[in-house]
Amino acid sequence: MSRFSSSSTPYKSNVICEDTFRDLRLEGKVAIITGGASGIGASTARLFHANGAKVIIADIQDELGRSTAEKLGENAYFVHCDVSKEDDVRDLVDAAVARHGKLDIMYNNAGVLDKPLAGILESTKSDLDKVVSVNVVGAFLGAKHAARVMIPRRKGCILFTASACTSIAGLSSHPYTASKYAIWGLARNLAAEVGEFGVRVNCVSPYAVLSTGMTPISGGAAEVAQMEEMVSEIGNLKGHILKAEDVAMAALFLASDEAHYVSGLNLLVDGGFSVVNPSLPRPSL
């Protein structure tokens, strides 16, 4: 596999701020983001808020979730929610509707990892139970209770964070891959059902996004940066590093009215990794 030259400068995503956008693409919309205290969820919360949405950050990380909401200020608040528990998810959705009168966007983003790249013989039932209870059950419950309040209004957007592993094999462990395929299957089936009621359903499927909150990295930001460089080198789109903000931008498009006729889509944010054979020799330019 070709390596990038020492002169390549990896792409760094811009810091998201309110001045980044001239148009408020989610103005007046109400959005719940599960797993919103850190990583992709926190980046999405900031971006949705900057685009005019009223944001409900849902997570089990209470201190971090409250801090994220407080930094956003008005029209952002935190709700403790364990997405594996139906009572928590039902109460979360009911609280959003009670406060704002509606729910426009439900982003089922909460997720966990098991052992990275473990083979089938190293994988355990507890690994499978862990990712299914959060990734699959959380996505199912979020979709169910969002649909409950969106169907009567005949409008709404349900999003999921899946993974590029739904498009190419060998990117993650078997339990994690199974959980993300289940999410994509749920999204497709749900899109077929709720389209009749004007509700859109889509997935965002990123390549590897590294953060201290999601990956088993103990060395802090410096080690994350080093790992990002390594993952970028393996990836297809050289000179670019995938950040949580980039996934948030994809979610923003799918949540906005710009995607008003987009449903049943698995939007890959993988720099083309899943459409090429990484074992093929690359020509030197």
Protein backbone atom coordinates (compact mmCIF):
# COMPACT_ATOMS: atom_id res chain seq x y z
CA MET A 1 0.00 0.00 0.00
CA SER A 2 1.36 3.39 -0.92
CA ARG A 3 2.36 5.76 1.86
CA PHE A 4 1.93 9.44 1.90
CA SER A 5 5.02 11.50 1.32
CA SER A 6 6.66 13.39 4.14
CA SER A 7 5.62 16.64 2.48
CA SER A 8 1.88 15.88 2.76
CA THR A 9 0.01 18.02 5.25
CA PRO A 10 -3.06 16.28 6.70
CA TYR A 11 -6.26 18.22 6.49
CA LYS A 12 -7.46 19.76 9.75
CA SER A 13 -11.18 20.45 10.10
CA ASN A 14 -12.20 24.00 10.92
CA VAL A 15 -13.44 24.67 14.41
CA ILE A 16 -17.21 24.97 14.26
CA CYS A 17 -18.56 28.28 15.43
CA GLU A 18 -21.68 30.34 14.87
CA ASP A 19 -19.89 32.63 12.42
CA THR A 20 -19.14 29.69 10.12
CA PHE A 21 -22.63 29.76 8.58
CA ARG A 22 -24.58 32.56 6.96
CA ASP A 23 -27.83 30.56 6.86
CA LEU A 24 -29.32 28.81 9.88
CA ARG A 25 -30.10 25.51 8.22
CA LEU A 26 -31.99 24.10 11.23
CA GLU A 27 -33.63 27.28 12.47
CA GLY A 28 -36.59 26.53 14.73
CA LYS A 29 -36.05 22.77 14.67
CA VAL A 30 -35.88 20.62 17.82
CA ALA A 31 -33.16 17.96 17.85
CA ILE A 32 -32.27 15.17 20.27
CA ILE A 33 -28.73 13.80 20.01
CA THR A 34 -27.96 10.64 21.97
CA GLY A 35 -24.35 10.15 22.96
CA GLY A 36 -24.21 13.93 22.71
CA ALA A 37 -21.71 14.60 25.49
CA SER A 38 -18.57 13.73 23.54
CA GLY A 39 -17.12 12.75 20.18
CA ILE A 40 -19.41 12.84 17.14
CA GLY A 41 -22.42 13.61 19.34
CA ALA A 42 -20.88 16.70 20.93
CA SER A 43 -19.64 17.99 17.56
CA THR A 44 -23.11 17.49 16.12
CA ALA A 45 -24.73 19.25 19.08
CA ARG A 46 -22.48 22.28 18.53
CA LEU A 47 -23.12 22.32 14.79
CA PHE A 48 -26.89 21.86 15.05
CA HIS A 49 -27.05 24.59 17.70
CA ALA A 50 -24.95 26.93 15.56
CA ASN A 51 -27.49 26.34 12.79
CA GLY A 52 -30.44 27.42 14.89
CA ALA A 53 -31.67 24.15 16.38
CA LYS A 54 -32.92 23.70 19.92
CA VAL A 55 -30.66 20.89 21.07
CA ILE A 56 -31.25 18.21 23.71
CA ILE A 57 -28.02 16.42 24.60
CA ALA A 58 -28.70 12.90 25.91
CA ASP A 59 -25.98 10.80 27.51
CA ILE A 60 -24.95 8.88 30.62
CA GLN A 61 -21.91 11.14 31.06
CA ASP A 62 -23.66 13.66 33.29
CA GLU A 63 -20.83 16.08 34.05
CA LEU A 64 -19.58 16.19 30.48
CA GLY A 65 -23.11 16.46 29.08
CA ARG A 66 -24.04 19.35 31.35
CA SER A 67 -20.78 21.10 30.51
CA THR A 68 -21.40 20.73 26.78
CA ALA A 69 -24.92 22.15 27.12
CA GLU A 70 -23.78 25.05 29.32
CA LYS A 71 -21.14 26.04 26.80
CA LEU A 72 -23.78 26.20 24.08
CA GLY A 73 -26.02 28.33 26.27
CA GLU A 74 -29.59 29.20 25.34
CA ASN A 75 -31.66 26.53 23.55
CA ALA A 76 -29.41 23.68 24.70
CA TYR A 77 -29.83 21.42 27.68
CA PHE A 78 -28.76 18.02 28.97
CA VAL A 79 -30.88 15.01 29.88
CA HIS A 80 -29.46 11.91 31.52
CA CYS A 81 -30.44 8.95 29.34
CA ASP A 82 -29.32 5.34 29.21
CA VAL A 83 -30.42 4.37 25.70
CA SER A 84 -30.58 0.69 26.64
CA LYS A 85 -33.53 1.49 28.96
CA GLU A 86 -36.89 2.15 27.34
CA ASP A 87 -38.16 4.28 30.22
CA ASP A 88 -35.18 6.62 29.81
CA VAL A 89 -35.69 6.97 26.06
CA ARG A 90 -39.45 7.46 26.35
CA ASP A 91 -38.99 10.11 29.03
CA LEU A 92 -36.32 11.84 26.92
CA VAL A 93 -38.63 12.19 23.94
CA ASP A 94 -41.58 13.22 26.11
CA ALA A 95 -39.44 15.88 27.83
CA ALA A 96 -38.42 17.36 24.47
CA VAL A 97 -42.03 17.53 23.28
CA ALA A 98 -43.24 18.95 26.61
CA ARG A 99 -40.61 21.67 26.49
CA HIS A 100 -40.72 22.58 22.80
CA GLY A 101 -44.04 21.18 21.56
CA LYS A 102 -42.46 18.94 18.92
CA LEU A 103 -39.49 16.83 17.88
CA ASP A 104 -38.04 17.39 14.40
CA ILE A 105 -34.77 15.45 14.52
CA MET A 106 -33.84 12.31 16.45
CA TYR A 107 -30.16 11.48 16.01
CA ASN A 108 -29.51 8.02 17.44
CA ASN A 109 -25.77 8.38 17.79
CA ALA A 110 -24.94 6.70 21.12
CA GLY A 111 -22.61 3.75 20.67
CA VAL A 112 -19.89 1.68 22.30
CA LEU A 113 -16.98 -0.41 21.08
CA ASP A 114 -15.84 -3.83 22.20
CA LYS A 115 -12.36 -5.23 21.58
CA PRO A 116 -10.77 -3.58 18.54
CA LEU A 117 -10.40 -5.98 15.59
CA ALA A 118 -10.80 -9.12 17.72
CA GLY A 119 -11.11 -12.38 15.77
CA ILE A 120 -14.12 -14.63 16.15
CA LEU A 121 -12.28 -16.92 18.58
CA GLU A 122 -11.36 -13.99 20.82
CA SER A 123 -14.86 -12.52 20.80
CA THR A 124 -17.14 -13.33 23.69
CA LYS A 125 -20.86 -13.28 24.30
CA SER A 126 -20.30 -10.42 26.76
CA ASP A 127 -18.71 -8.42 23.93
CA LEU A 128 -21.79 -9.05 21.80
CA ASP A 129 -24.19 -8.24 24.64
CA LYS A 130 -22.36 -4.97 25.32
CA VAL A 131 -22.60 -3.56 21.79
CA VAL A 132 -26.10 -4.90 21.12
CA SER A 133 -27.53 -3.42 24.34
CA VAL A 134 -26.34 0.09 23.45
CA ASN A 135 -25.86 0.24 19.69
CA VAL A 136 -28.84 -1.82 18.56
CA VAL A 137 -31.30 -1.53 21.44
CA GLY A 138 -30.57 2.20 21.79
CA ALA A 139 -31.13 2.79 18.09
CA PHE A 140 -34.34 0.76 18.11
CA LEU A 141 -35.80 2.52 21.15
CA GLY A 142 -34.81 5.96 19.89
CA ALA A 143 -36.44 5.26 16.53
CA LYS A 144 -39.59 3.84 18.15
CA HIS A 145 -40.23 6.80 20.43
CA ALA A 146 -39.26 9.37 17.82
CA ALA A 147 -41.70 7.79 15.37
CA ARG A 148 -44.37 7.84 18.08
CA VAL A 149 -44.34 11.65 18.13
CA MET A 150 -43.37 12.29 14.48
CA ILE A 151 -46.01 10.16 12.78
CA PRO A 152 -48.97 12.22 14.07
CA ARG A 153 -47.28 15.40 12.77
CA ARG A 154 -46.47 13.67 9.47
CA LYS A 155 -42.95 15.05 9.44
CA GLY A 156 -39.57 14.50 11.03
CA CYS A 157 -36.09 13.12 10.54
CA ILE A 158 -34.60 10.04 12.23
CA LEU A 159 -30.83 9.61 11.92
CA PHE A 160 -28.45 6.87 13.00
CA THR A 161 -24.69 6.62 13.27
CA ALA A 162 -23.76 3.36 11.58
CA SER A 163 -20.26 2.67 10.23
CA ALA A 164 -18.25 2.19 7.05
CA CYS A 165 -18.02 -1.44 8.16
CA THR A 166 -21.55 -1.80 6.70
CA SER A 167 -20.01 -1.32 3.26
CA ILE A 168 -16.66 -3.12 3.44
CA ALA A 169 -15.46 -6.09 5.46
CA GLY A 170 -12.57 -6.26 7.90
CA LEU A 171 -12.81 -2.81 9.48
CA SER A 172 -13.95 -3.81 12.97
CA SER A 173 -14.71 -6.65 15.34
CA HIS A 174 -17.52 -9.10 14.63
CA PRO A 175 -19.82 -7.91 17.46
CA TYR A 176 -19.41 -4.24 16.49
CA THR A 177 -19.91 -5.00 12.80
CA ALA A 178 -23.03 -7.05 13.54
CA SER A 179 -24.44 -4.18 15.61
CA LYS A 180 -23.86 -1.62 12.87
CA TYR A 181 -25.37 -3.85 10.18
CA ALA A 182 -28.40 -4.21 12.44
CA ILE A 183 -28.69 -0.42 12.63
CA TRP A 184 -28.51 -0.08 8.86
CA GLY A 185 -31.12 -2.82 8.46
CA LEU A 186 -33.36 -1.07 10.98
CA ALA A 187 -32.98 2.22 9.13
CA ARG A 188 -33.95 0.70 5.79
CA ASN A 189 -36.96 -1.10 7.23
CA LEU A 190 -38.05 2.01 9.12
CA ALA A 191 -37.70 4.23 6.04
CA ALA A 192 -40.08 1.88 4.22
CA GLU A 193 -42.65 2.13 7.02
CA VAL A 194 -42.65 5.79 8.04
CA GLY A 195 -42.18 7.30 4.60
CA GLU A 196 -45.95 7.09 4.31
CA PHE A 197 -46.12 9.67 7.10
CA GLY A 198 -43.54 12.04 5.66
CA VAL A 199 -40.80 10.96 8.11
CA ARG A 200 -37.29 10.55 6.69
CA VAL A 201 -34.78 7.95 7.94
CA ASN A 202 -31.06 7.89 7.11
CA CYS A 203 -27.67 6.69 8.37
CA VAL A 204 -24.29 8.37 8.58
CA SER A 205 -21.51 5.81 8.26
CA PRO A 206 -18.02 7.11 9.05
CA TYR A 207 -14.60 5.60 8.61
CA ALA A 208 -12.53 5.59 11.81
CA VAL A 209 -13.08 8.65 14.02
CA LEU A 210 -10.75 8.78 17.00
CA SER A 211 -11.40 10.55 20.27
CA THR A 212 -10.30 10.05 23.86
CA GLY A 213 -13.94 9.43 24.80
CA MET A 214 -14.64 6.63 22.31
CA THR A 215 -11.39 4.74 21.88
CA PRO A 216 -9.21 2.90 24.39
CA ILE A 217 -6.43 5.51 24.27
CA SER A 218 -4.74 6.53 27.50
CA GLY A 219 -2.22 9.04 26.19
CA GLY A 220 -4.62 11.91 25.64
CA ALA A 221 -4.71 14.30 22.71
CA ALA A 222 -1.12 13.63 21.60
CA GLU A 223 -1.76 9.92 21.22
CA VAL A 224 -5.09 10.57 19.47
CA ALA A 225 -3.27 12.78 16.95
CA GLN A 226 -0.66 10.07 16.37
CA MET A 227 -3.36 7.45 15.87
CA GLU A 228 -5.25 9.76 13.50
CA GLU A 229 -2.15 10.07 11.34
CA MET A 230 -1.81 6.29 11.23
CA VAL A 231 -5.49 5.71 10.38
CA SER A 232 -5.30 8.43 7.71
CA GLU A 233 -2.33 6.70 6.13
CA ILE A 234 -4.30 3.46 5.87
CA GLY A 235 -7.26 5.31 4.40
CA ASN A 236 -7.91 6.09 0.76
CA LEU A 237 -8.12 9.89 0.79
CA LYS A 238 -4.54 10.94 1.46
CA GLY A 239 -3.71 14.22 3.14
CA HIS A 240 -7.06 14.26 4.99
CA ILE A 241 -7.92 13.26 8.54
CA LEU A 242 -11.51 12.39 9.39
CA LYS A 243 -12.72 14.36 12.40
CA ALA A 244 -15.92 14.18 14.40
CA GLU A 245 -16.84 17.57 12.89
CA ASP A 246 -16.82 16.05 9.40
CA VAL A 247 -19.37 13.43 10.44
CA ALA A 248 -21.45 16.18 12.06
CA MET A 249 -21.49 18.06 8.74
CA ALA A 250 -22.94 14.98 7.02
CA ALA A 251 -25.57 14.69 9.75
CA LEU A 252 -26.40 18.39 9.30
CA PHE A 253 -27.11 17.88 5.62
CA LEU A 254 -29.37 14.87 6.27
CA ALA A 255 -31.21 16.71 9.07
CA SER A 256 -31.75 19.86 7.03
CA ASP A 257 -34.46 20.69 4.52
CA GLU A 258 -31.81 20.44 1.81
CA ALA A 259 -32.27 16.67 2.14
CA HIS A 260 -36.09 16.85 2.21
CA TYR A 261 -36.40 14.04 -0.37
CA VAL A 262 -33.51 11.89 0.93
CA SER A 263 -34.59 8.80 2.85
CA GLY A 264 -33.23 5.28 3.16
CA LEU A 265 -29.66 6.46 2.53
CA ASN A 266 -26.51 5.11 4.14
CA LEU A 267 -24.22 8.15 3.70
CA LEU A 268 -20.63 6.94 3.83
CA VAL A 269 -18.08 9.41 5.17
CA ASP A 270 -15.04 7.30 4.43
CA GLY A 271 -12.99 9.14 1.83
CA GLY A 272 -13.80 6.48 -0.76
CA PHE A 273 -12.27 3.68 1.32
CA SER A 274 -15.15 1.29 0.71
CA VAL A 275 -15.14 1.69 -3.09
CA VAL A 276 -11.51 0.76 -3.71
CA ASN A 277 -9.43 -2.35 -3.19
CA PRO A 278 -6.73 -1.21 -0.75
CA SER A 279 -4.50 -4.15 -1.71
CA LEU A 280 -4.12 -2.96 -5.31
CA PRO A 281 -0.77 -1.31 -6.08
CA ARG A 282 -0.99 2.45 -6.56
CA PRO A 283 0.92 4.17 -9.39
CA SER A 284 3.65 6.58 -8.34
CA LEU A 285 3.10 10.12 -9.62
